[in-house]
Amino acid sequence: MENLSRRKALSLGVALGLVGVAHPVQAWASTGSATGASAGPGPEWIWDDAADPVMASMLKSGHVPAINTAWASWVNNNDPLPSGLPTEFAAYLRQVNQLPSWADPAKLARAADFNRRRDTYLFMLYGLGSGIMSTVIPREAKSVYWSAGGADMQDRAAKTFTFGYDLSQLGAFEPTGQFVVTANKTRVVHAAVRHLLPQSPHWRAVADETIPISAADILVTFHSLGTYVHRKLLDWKIPFPAADQEAFLHSWQVAIALLGVPHEHIPRTWAEAQAQSARVLTPILSPSTEGIALAEELLGLTAQIDLGVTRGFLNEFVRYVLSDEVGDWLGLKRDYAAAALVRTGWPAFILFREGLSPIMPGTFYMFDQFVRALAMLFLNKGSSGTTTPITIPTGNRAG
């Protein structure tokens, strides 16, 4: 049985471009870090010593509604902390509201330029690839479904788009950007969920952990986003100079650090990231009742905009970027004509779009409309182009 499971993980890893699957026991063996520091306790046993006790206190004392009101105007990185925050909470934000000392402004600037140049591919992969992959990461799917956000997936998706959009802004880490604030708000939400979700009998009935969103869980999510996208861009032979790859990784290293993951557990190179992903992400991918429901909701959201394609095409594109195995898990109905179109038309689209082929495929405009429409979900932040407020929950999803 163990050998069968490993063969399935390896097969899925090949489909996702993540090979070299190791035995789970060695999953979190140290592979180096962004800062070169030695590893301490495994990230599966690390949560957030800075944010967790503060948020537990804020929830118990009933301060969260006032915080949500006060920090609504706190958007840009150079905005002063809003007035009206509880003293303990304001002190916490002053402590964490800054870039790590090892952040490299030149690399962050290059990453921002790379994001601008490749935004259509990035948003498409984040949305249809990473977004749907999150529904077959059991812990993530169950935590999302049974948290307050799971009851309104359109709102939660908009907030997720805000995180991705703000990270991809040209000046994301600059004083006039928004990502540092967005990351700090997201970190606080994670801390609130760690306090709230264990109180849900519905989550406890399906969870294999007692406290959600460990540092390991955040790293798994990173691999479903940054590491996955990096591999796909290489697999699709999209021009990706080494300096751009390094800068793209650095932006993610900083993002993960801002979410509270200790530096010693953040991969130092893409080789380390890919190896870690093959150990800790690919083997755990599997369907769940909650994940199947979330995937259908997320794919249903795309019906609200004109992608210029059918639902069958959308299903087959998800299968193309994630694998037929994932598509089968999620019950995505087959459309074999659309499958043939995707598997022949998409590579030809990339070749022509990147100037690597002089022949424009007949499907060029259909694919072009498709990726641009998906990008607009991010560029509009899931709504009308205004900032989607990130709010701290005070409860969980009702049964």
Protein backbone atom coordinates (compact mmCIF):
# COMPACT_ATOMS: atom_id res chain seq x y z
CA MET A 1 0.00 0.00 0.00
CA GLU A 2 2.83 2.40 0.88
CA ASN A 3 4.56 1.72 -2.45
CA LEU A 4 1.27 2.31 -4.28
CA SER A 5 0.81 5.64 -2.50
CA ARG A 6 4.34 6.68 -3.38
CA ARG A 7 3.82 5.70 -7.03
CA LYS A 8 0.62 7.78 -7.13
CA ALA A 9 2.42 10.75 -5.56
CA LEU A 10 5.23 10.43 -8.07
CA SER A 11 2.75 10.23 -10.97
CA LEU A 12 0.93 13.35 -9.76
CA GLY A 13 4.25 15.06 -9.13
CA VAL A 14 5.27 14.47 -12.75
CA ALA A 15 1.93 15.89 -13.93
CA LEU A 16 2.46 19.01 -11.82
CA GLY A 17 6.13 19.28 -12.77
CA LEU A 18 7.22 18.39 -9.21
CA VAL A 19 9.33 15.26 -9.16
CA GLY A 20 11.66 13.65 -6.66
CA VAL A 21 9.01 12.76 -4.07
CA ALA A 22 10.58 11.65 -0.79
CA HIS A 23 9.18 9.66 2.14
CA PRO A 24 6.94 11.94 4.28
CA VAL A 25 9.00 11.24 7.42
CA GLN A 26 11.78 13.32 5.93
CA ALA A 27 9.35 15.94 4.63
CA TRP A 28 10.54 18.86 6.71
CA ALA A 29 14.24 18.05 6.81
CA SER A 30 16.18 21.30 6.67
CA THR A 31 17.26 22.35 3.18
CA GLY A 32 18.60 25.79 3.96
CA SER A 33 16.81 29.09 4.22
CA ALA A 34 16.52 32.58 2.80
CA THR A 35 18.97 33.82 5.43
CA GLY A 36 21.25 30.82 5.63
CA ALA A 37 20.28 30.24 9.28
CA SER A 38 20.21 26.76 10.78
CA ALA A 39 16.84 25.09 11.26
CA GLY A 40 15.14 24.86 14.66
CA PRO A 41 11.88 23.04 15.46
CA GLY A 42 10.03 21.65 12.47
CA PRO A 43 7.55 24.12 10.92
CA GLU A 44 4.65 21.73 11.53
CA TRP A 45 5.09 22.58 15.23
CA ILE A 46 5.41 26.33 14.73
CA TRP A 47 2.45 28.72 14.69
CA ASP A 48 2.86 32.43 15.48
CA ASP A 49 4.16 33.34 18.94
CA ALA A 50 3.87 37.05 18.16
CA ALA A 51 0.37 37.28 16.67
CA ASP A 52 -1.51 34.36 18.24
CA PRO A 53 -1.66 35.51 21.89
CA VAL A 54 -2.53 39.07 20.85
CA MET A 55 -5.44 37.95 18.70
CA ALA A 56 -6.70 35.53 21.32
CA SER A 57 -6.78 38.47 23.73
CA MET A 58 -8.53 40.73 21.22
CA LEU A 59 -11.21 38.12 20.50
CA LYS A 60 -11.83 37.33 24.15
CA SER A 61 -12.11 41.02 25.06
CA GLY A 62 -14.47 41.81 22.17
CA HIS A 63 -12.14 44.32 20.49
CA VAL A 64 -12.26 42.85 16.98
CA PRO A 65 -15.22 44.87 15.57
CA ALA A 66 -13.50 48.10 16.66
CA ILE A 67 -10.22 46.96 15.06
CA ASN A 68 -11.99 46.17 11.78
CA THR A 69 -13.50 49.65 11.76
CA ALA A 70 -10.27 51.40 12.74
CA TRP A 71 -7.96 49.70 10.26
CA ALA A 72 -10.26 50.03 7.22
CA SER A 73 -8.36 53.20 6.25
CA TRP A 74 -4.95 51.57 6.78
CA VAL A 75 -4.08 50.56 3.20
CA ASN A 76 -0.72 51.85 1.95
CA ASN A 77 2.60 50.71 3.39
CA ASN A 78 3.46 54.26 4.47
CA ASP A 79 0.08 54.94 6.09
CA PRO A 80 0.38 55.66 9.82
CA LEU A 81 -1.22 53.12 12.12
CA PRO A 82 -4.84 54.14 12.59
CA SER A 83 -6.04 55.64 15.83
CA GLY A 84 -8.57 53.78 17.90
CA LEU A 85 -6.65 50.50 18.06
CA PRO A 86 -6.28 48.75 21.43
CA THR A 87 -2.87 49.48 22.94
CA GLU A 88 -1.72 45.85 22.91
CA PHE A 89 -2.75 45.41 19.27
CA ALA A 90 -1.13 48.67 18.13
CA ALA A 91 2.12 47.65 19.87
CA TYR A 92 2.07 44.33 18.00
CA LEU A 93 1.59 46.05 14.63
CA ARG A 94 4.45 48.48 15.31
CA GLN A 95 6.67 45.48 15.97
CA VAL A 96 5.91 43.60 12.72
CA ASN A 97 4.97 46.35 10.25
CA GLN A 98 8.29 46.45 8.41
CA LEU A 99 10.26 44.51 5.83
CA PRO A 100 12.75 41.94 7.13
CA SER A 101 16.31 43.25 7.42
CA TRP A 102 17.50 40.94 4.65
CA ALA A 103 14.96 42.18 2.06
CA ASP A 104 16.77 43.32 -1.10
CA PRO A 105 15.13 46.42 -2.66
CA ALA A 106 16.76 45.79 -6.04
CA LYS A 107 15.42 42.24 -6.22
CA LEU A 108 11.98 43.34 -5.09
CA ALA A 109 11.94 46.03 -7.78
CA ARG A 110 12.97 43.50 -10.42
CA ALA A 111 10.30 41.08 -9.19
CA ALA A 112 7.69 43.82 -9.51
CA ASP A 113 8.78 44.49 -13.09
CA PHE A 114 8.69 40.76 -13.85
CA ASN A 115 5.17 40.53 -12.42
CA ARG A 116 4.11 43.41 -14.66
CA ARG A 117 5.57 41.75 -17.77
CA ARG A 118 4.10 38.32 -17.02
CA ASP A 119 0.89 39.26 -15.25
CA THR A 120 -1.48 37.43 -17.60
CA TYR A 121 0.31 34.11 -17.15
CA LEU A 122 0.75 34.66 -13.42
CA PHE A 123 -2.87 35.54 -12.74
CA MET A 124 -4.14 32.67 -14.87
CA LEU A 125 -1.89 30.18 -13.05
CA TYR A 126 -2.64 31.64 -9.63
CA GLY A 127 -6.36 31.61 -10.34
CA LEU A 128 -7.02 28.34 -12.19
CA GLY A 129 -3.91 26.45 -11.09
CA SER A 130 -3.11 27.44 -7.51
CA GLY A 131 -6.68 28.42 -6.65
CA ILE A 132 -8.12 25.05 -7.61
CA MET A 133 -5.09 23.18 -6.23
CA SER A 134 -5.91 24.67 -2.82
CA THR A 135 -9.13 22.65 -2.85
CA VAL A 136 -7.18 19.36 -2.97
CA ILE A 137 -4.87 20.35 -0.11
CA PRO A 138 -7.01 18.71 2.60
CA ARG A 139 -6.00 20.85 5.58
CA GLU A 140 -6.37 24.07 3.63
CA ALA A 141 -9.71 23.07 2.11
CA LYS A 142 -11.18 22.03 5.46
CA SER A 143 -9.90 25.12 7.25
CA VAL A 144 -11.26 27.43 4.57
CA TYR A 145 -14.61 25.67 4.35
CA TRP A 146 -15.35 25.67 8.08
CA SER A 147 -14.00 29.15 8.81
CA ALA A 148 -16.23 32.20 8.48
CA GLY A 149 -14.81 32.93 5.02
CA GLY A 150 -15.96 29.58 3.67
CA ALA A 151 -19.58 30.67 3.93
CA ASP A 152 -19.05 33.48 1.39
CA MET A 153 -16.54 32.29 -1.17
CA GLN A 154 -17.03 35.29 -3.45
CA ASP A 155 -15.90 37.61 -0.66
CA ARG A 156 -13.07 35.29 0.36
CA ALA A 157 -11.91 34.94 -3.25
CA ALA A 158 -11.87 38.73 -3.55
CA LYS A 159 -9.64 38.94 -0.47
CA THR A 160 -7.38 36.26 -1.90
CA PHE A 161 -7.20 38.26 -5.13
CA THR A 162 -6.22 41.29 -3.04
CA PHE A 163 -3.25 39.39 -1.61
CA GLY A 164 -2.11 38.25 -5.06
CA TYR A 165 -2.76 41.60 -6.68
CA ASP A 166 -0.97 43.62 -4.01
CA LEU A 167 2.03 41.27 -4.17
CA SER A 168 2.15 41.73 -7.95
CA GLN A 169 1.86 45.53 -7.95
CA LEU A 170 4.77 47.43 -9.50
CA GLY A 171 5.54 49.10 -6.16
CA ALA A 172 4.24 46.34 -3.88
CA PHE A 173 6.97 46.73 -1.26
CA GLU A 174 7.54 50.45 -1.72
CA PRO A 175 6.12 53.00 0.76
CA THR A 176 3.27 53.79 -1.63
CA GLY A 177 2.52 50.10 -2.24
CA GLN A 178 0.09 48.02 -0.25
CA PHE A 179 1.53 44.56 0.20
CA VAL A 180 3.21 45.00 3.59
CA VAL A 181 -0.10 46.14 5.07
CA THR A 182 -2.02 43.40 3.26
CA ALA A 183 0.39 40.75 4.54
CA ASN A 184 0.17 42.03 8.11
CA LYS A 185 -3.63 42.02 7.99
CA THR A 186 -3.57 38.49 6.56
CA ARG A 187 -1.22 37.36 9.34
CA VAL A 188 -3.64 38.72 11.94
CA VAL A 189 -6.56 36.91 10.28
CA HIS A 190 -4.55 33.67 10.40
CA ALA A 191 -3.99 34.21 14.13
CA ALA A 192 -7.72 34.76 14.68
CA VAL A 193 -8.58 31.60 12.75
CA ARG A 194 -6.11 29.62 14.88
CA HIS A 195 -8.07 30.71 17.95
CA LEU A 196 -11.55 30.31 16.46
CA LEU A 197 -11.47 27.19 14.29
CA PRO A 198 -10.61 24.72 17.09
CA GLN A 199 -13.91 25.83 18.67
CA SER A 200 -15.85 24.50 15.65
CA PRO A 201 -17.20 20.98 16.17
CA HIS A 202 -17.58 20.66 12.40
CA TRP A 203 -13.90 21.39 11.78
CA ARG A 204 -12.75 19.19 14.66
CA ALA A 205 -14.75 16.30 13.21
CA VAL A 206 -12.77 16.34 9.94
CA ALA A 207 -9.39 17.85 10.88
CA ASP A 208 -6.21 15.87 11.47
CA GLU A 209 -4.65 18.73 13.44
CA THR A 210 -5.64 20.54 16.62
CA ILE A 211 -4.49 24.03 15.57
CA PRO A 212 -4.70 25.14 11.93
CA ILE A 213 -2.33 27.22 9.79
CA SER A 214 1.08 26.16 11.08
CA ALA A 215 4.24 27.48 9.44
CA ALA A 216 4.29 24.19 7.53
CA ASP A 217 0.77 24.85 6.22
CA ILE A 218 1.83 28.32 5.03
CA LEU A 219 4.84 26.84 3.26
CA VAL A 220 2.61 24.26 1.58
CA THR A 221 0.42 27.12 0.35
CA PHE A 222 3.53 28.94 -0.93
CA HIS A 223 4.50 25.85 -2.92
CA SER A 224 1.00 25.69 -4.42
CA LEU A 225 1.51 29.29 -5.55
CA GLY A 226 5.06 30.47 -6.15
CA THR A 227 6.82 27.13 -6.60
CA TYR A 228 4.07 25.75 -8.82
CA VAL A 229 3.98 28.86 -11.01
CA HIS A 230 7.78 28.93 -11.33
CA ARG A 231 7.78 25.33 -12.54
CA LYS A 232 4.93 25.88 -15.01
CA LEU A 233 6.60 28.91 -16.60
CA LEU A 234 9.71 26.82 -17.17
CA ASP A 235 7.71 23.85 -18.46
CA TRP A 236 5.91 26.09 -20.93
CA LYS A 237 9.28 27.47 -22.08
CA ILE A 238 8.28 31.05 -21.38
CA PRO A 239 11.46 33.18 -21.37
CA PHE A 240 12.49 33.39 -17.70
CA PRO A 241 16.02 34.79 -17.18
CA ALA A 242 17.90 33.65 -14.07
CA ALA A 243 17.81 37.16 -12.58
CA ASP A 244 14.01 37.25 -12.93
CA GLN A 245 13.72 33.82 -11.32
CA GLU A 246 15.85 34.92 -8.38
CA ALA A 247 13.86 38.12 -7.95
CA PHE A 248 10.54 36.27 -8.16
CA LEU A 249 11.69 33.89 -5.43
CA HIS A 250 12.92 36.75 -3.26
CA SER A 251 9.54 38.48 -3.38
CA TRP A 252 7.95 35.26 -2.15
CA GLN A 253 10.60 34.81 0.54
CA VAL A 254 9.74 38.27 1.87
CA ALA A 255 6.00 37.58 1.61
CA ILE A 256 6.32 34.34 3.59
CA ALA A 257 8.40 36.09 6.24
CA LEU A 258 5.76 38.81 6.58
CA LEU A 259 3.22 36.06 7.29
CA GLY A 260 5.29 34.98 10.27
CA VAL A 261 7.18 31.94 8.94
CA PRO A 262 10.64 31.76 10.60
CA HIS A 263 13.41 32.60 8.17
CA GLU A 264 15.25 29.31 8.69
CA HIS A 265 12.39 27.36 7.11
CA ILE A 266 12.04 29.51 3.98
CA PRO A 267 13.71 27.86 0.95
CA ARG A 268 16.87 29.64 -0.16
CA THR A 269 16.82 28.65 -3.84
CA TRP A 270 14.30 27.41 -6.37
CA ALA A 271 16.04 24.02 -6.31
CA GLU A 272 15.38 23.82 -2.56
CA ALA A 273 11.81 25.05 -3.05
CA GLN A 274 11.09 22.45 -5.72
CA ALA A 275 12.60 19.68 -3.60
CA GLN A 276 10.65 20.74 -0.53
CA SER A 277 7.45 21.01 -2.56
CA ALA A 278 7.92 17.48 -3.88
CA ARG A 279 8.18 16.26 -0.30
CA VAL A 280 5.46 18.24 1.44
CA LEU A 281 2.88 19.26 -1.19
CA THR A 282 2.56 16.60 -3.89
CA PRO A 283 2.17 13.59 -1.56
CA ILE A 284 -0.65 15.17 0.46
CA LEU A 285 -2.88 16.23 -2.45
CA SER A 286 -6.20 14.41 -2.23
CA PRO A 287 -9.94 15.14 -2.46
CA SER A 288 -12.23 15.98 0.43
CA THR A 289 -15.93 16.75 0.71
CA GLU A 290 -15.09 20.33 1.63
CA GLY A 291 -12.58 20.73 -1.21
CA ILE A 292 -14.96 19.44 -3.86
CA ALA A 293 -17.60 21.93 -2.73
CA LEU A 294 -15.10 24.81 -2.70
CA ALA A 295 -13.81 23.97 -6.19
CA GLU A 296 -17.32 24.08 -7.61
CA GLU A 297 -17.93 27.43 -5.93
CA LEU A 298 -14.68 28.88 -7.23
CA LEU A 299 -15.27 27.68 -10.78
CA GLY A 300 -18.80 29.01 -10.53
CA LEU A 301 -17.46 32.48 -9.76
CA THR A 302 -15.79 32.60 -13.17
CA ALA A 303 -19.24 32.31 -14.76
CA GLN A 304 -19.88 35.87 -13.60
CA ILE A 305 -17.49 37.24 -16.23
CA ASP A 306 -17.29 36.56 -19.93
CA LEU A 307 -14.30 34.28 -20.44
CA GLY A 308 -15.29 33.63 -24.02
CA VAL A 309 -15.21 29.87 -23.39
CA THR A 310 -17.57 27.14 -22.23
CA ARG A 311 -17.57 25.48 -18.80
CA GLY A 312 -16.28 22.37 -20.56
CA PHE A 313 -13.27 24.33 -21.80
CA LEU A 314 -12.70 25.69 -18.29
CA ASN A 315 -12.83 22.18 -16.82
CA GLU A 316 -10.34 20.92 -19.38
CA PHE A 317 -7.99 23.84 -18.80
CA VAL A 318 -7.97 23.03 -15.08
CA ARG A 319 -7.19 19.44 -15.96
CA TYR A 320 -4.39 20.64 -18.26
CA VAL A 321 -2.68 22.80 -15.63
CA LEU A 322 -3.23 20.40 -12.70
CA SER A 323 -3.71 16.87 -14.14
CA ASP A 324 -6.61 14.58 -15.01
CA GLU A 325 -6.25 12.94 -11.60
CA VAL A 326 -7.11 16.20 -9.86
CA GLY A 327 -9.92 16.80 -12.36
CA ASP A 328 -11.37 13.37 -11.58
CA TRP A 329 -11.14 14.01 -7.83
CA LEU A 330 -13.16 17.20 -8.26
CA GLY A 331 -15.70 15.64 -10.59
CA LEU A 332 -14.94 18.00 -13.48
CA LYS A 333 -17.00 16.76 -16.41
CA ARG A 334 -15.01 15.83 -19.50
CA ASP A 335 -15.24 17.71 -22.79
CA TYR A 336 -12.89 15.85 -25.10
CA ALA A 337 -13.19 18.33 -27.96
CA ALA A 338 -12.20 21.15 -25.59
CA ALA A 339 -9.40 18.96 -24.20
CA ALA A 340 -7.89 18.56 -27.66
CA LEU A 341 -8.24 22.28 -28.26
CA VAL A 342 -6.45 23.15 -25.00
CA ARG A 343 -3.64 20.66 -25.37
CA THR A 344 -2.79 21.71 -28.93
CA GLY A 345 -3.86 25.35 -28.91
CA TRP A 346 -2.26 26.54 -25.66
CA PRO A 347 1.35 25.62 -26.57
CA ALA A 348 0.86 27.24 -29.99
CA PHE A 349 -0.58 30.34 -28.31
CA ILE A 350 2.47 30.69 -26.06
CA LEU A 351 4.92 30.23 -28.94
CA PHE A 352 3.25 32.95 -30.98
CA ARG A 353 2.67 35.33 -28.06
CA GLU A 354 6.32 35.08 -27.02
CA GLY A 355 7.59 35.64 -30.56
CA LEU A 356 8.98 32.11 -30.77
CA SER A 357 6.83 31.19 -33.75
CA PRO A 358 5.71 33.34 -36.71
CA ILE A 359 2.52 31.32 -37.13
CA MET A 360 -0.52 32.73 -35.37
CA PRO A 361 -2.81 29.84 -34.37
CA GLY A 362 -6.45 30.09 -35.29
CA THR A 363 -7.34 29.90 -31.62
CA PHE A 364 -5.09 32.84 -30.66
CA TYR A 365 -7.85 35.37 -29.99
CA MET A 366 -9.92 32.89 -27.98
CA PHE A 367 -6.97 32.12 -25.68
CA ASP A 368 -6.00 35.78 -25.52
CA GLN A 369 -9.51 36.78 -24.37
CA PHE A 370 -9.48 33.90 -21.88
CA VAL A 371 -6.24 34.86 -20.12
CA ARG A 372 -7.06 38.57 -20.17
CA ALA A 373 -10.48 37.97 -18.62
CA LEU A 374 -8.94 35.84 -15.88
CA ALA A 375 -6.35 38.55 -15.25
CA MET A 376 -9.13 41.08 -14.83
CA LEU A 377 -10.39 39.12 -11.82
CA PHE A 378 -7.12 40.10 -10.18
CA LEU A 379 -6.77 43.55 -11.68
CA ASN A 380 -10.29 44.36 -10.47
CA LYS A 381 -9.47 42.70 -7.13
CA GLY A 382 -12.51 40.52 -7.62
CA SER A 383 -14.92 43.44 -7.61
CA SER A 384 -14.91 46.98 -8.98
CA GLY A 385 -11.26 47.90 -8.71
CA THR A 386 -11.47 49.17 -5.15
CA THR A 387 -9.57 47.70 -2.23
CA THR A 388 -11.37 44.66 -0.81
CA PRO A 389 -11.37 45.10 2.97
CA ILE A 390 -9.59 42.38 4.93
CA THR A 391 -11.56 41.89 8.13
CA ILE A 392 -10.84 39.78 11.18
CA PRO A 393 -13.48 37.08 11.79
CA THR A 394 -15.22 36.69 15.13
CA GLY A 395 -16.72 33.25 14.54
CA ASN A 396 -16.77 30.20 12.27
CA ARG A 397 -19.03 28.87 9.55
CA ALA A 398 -22.31 27.60 10.94
CA GLY A 399 -23.13 23.96 10.37
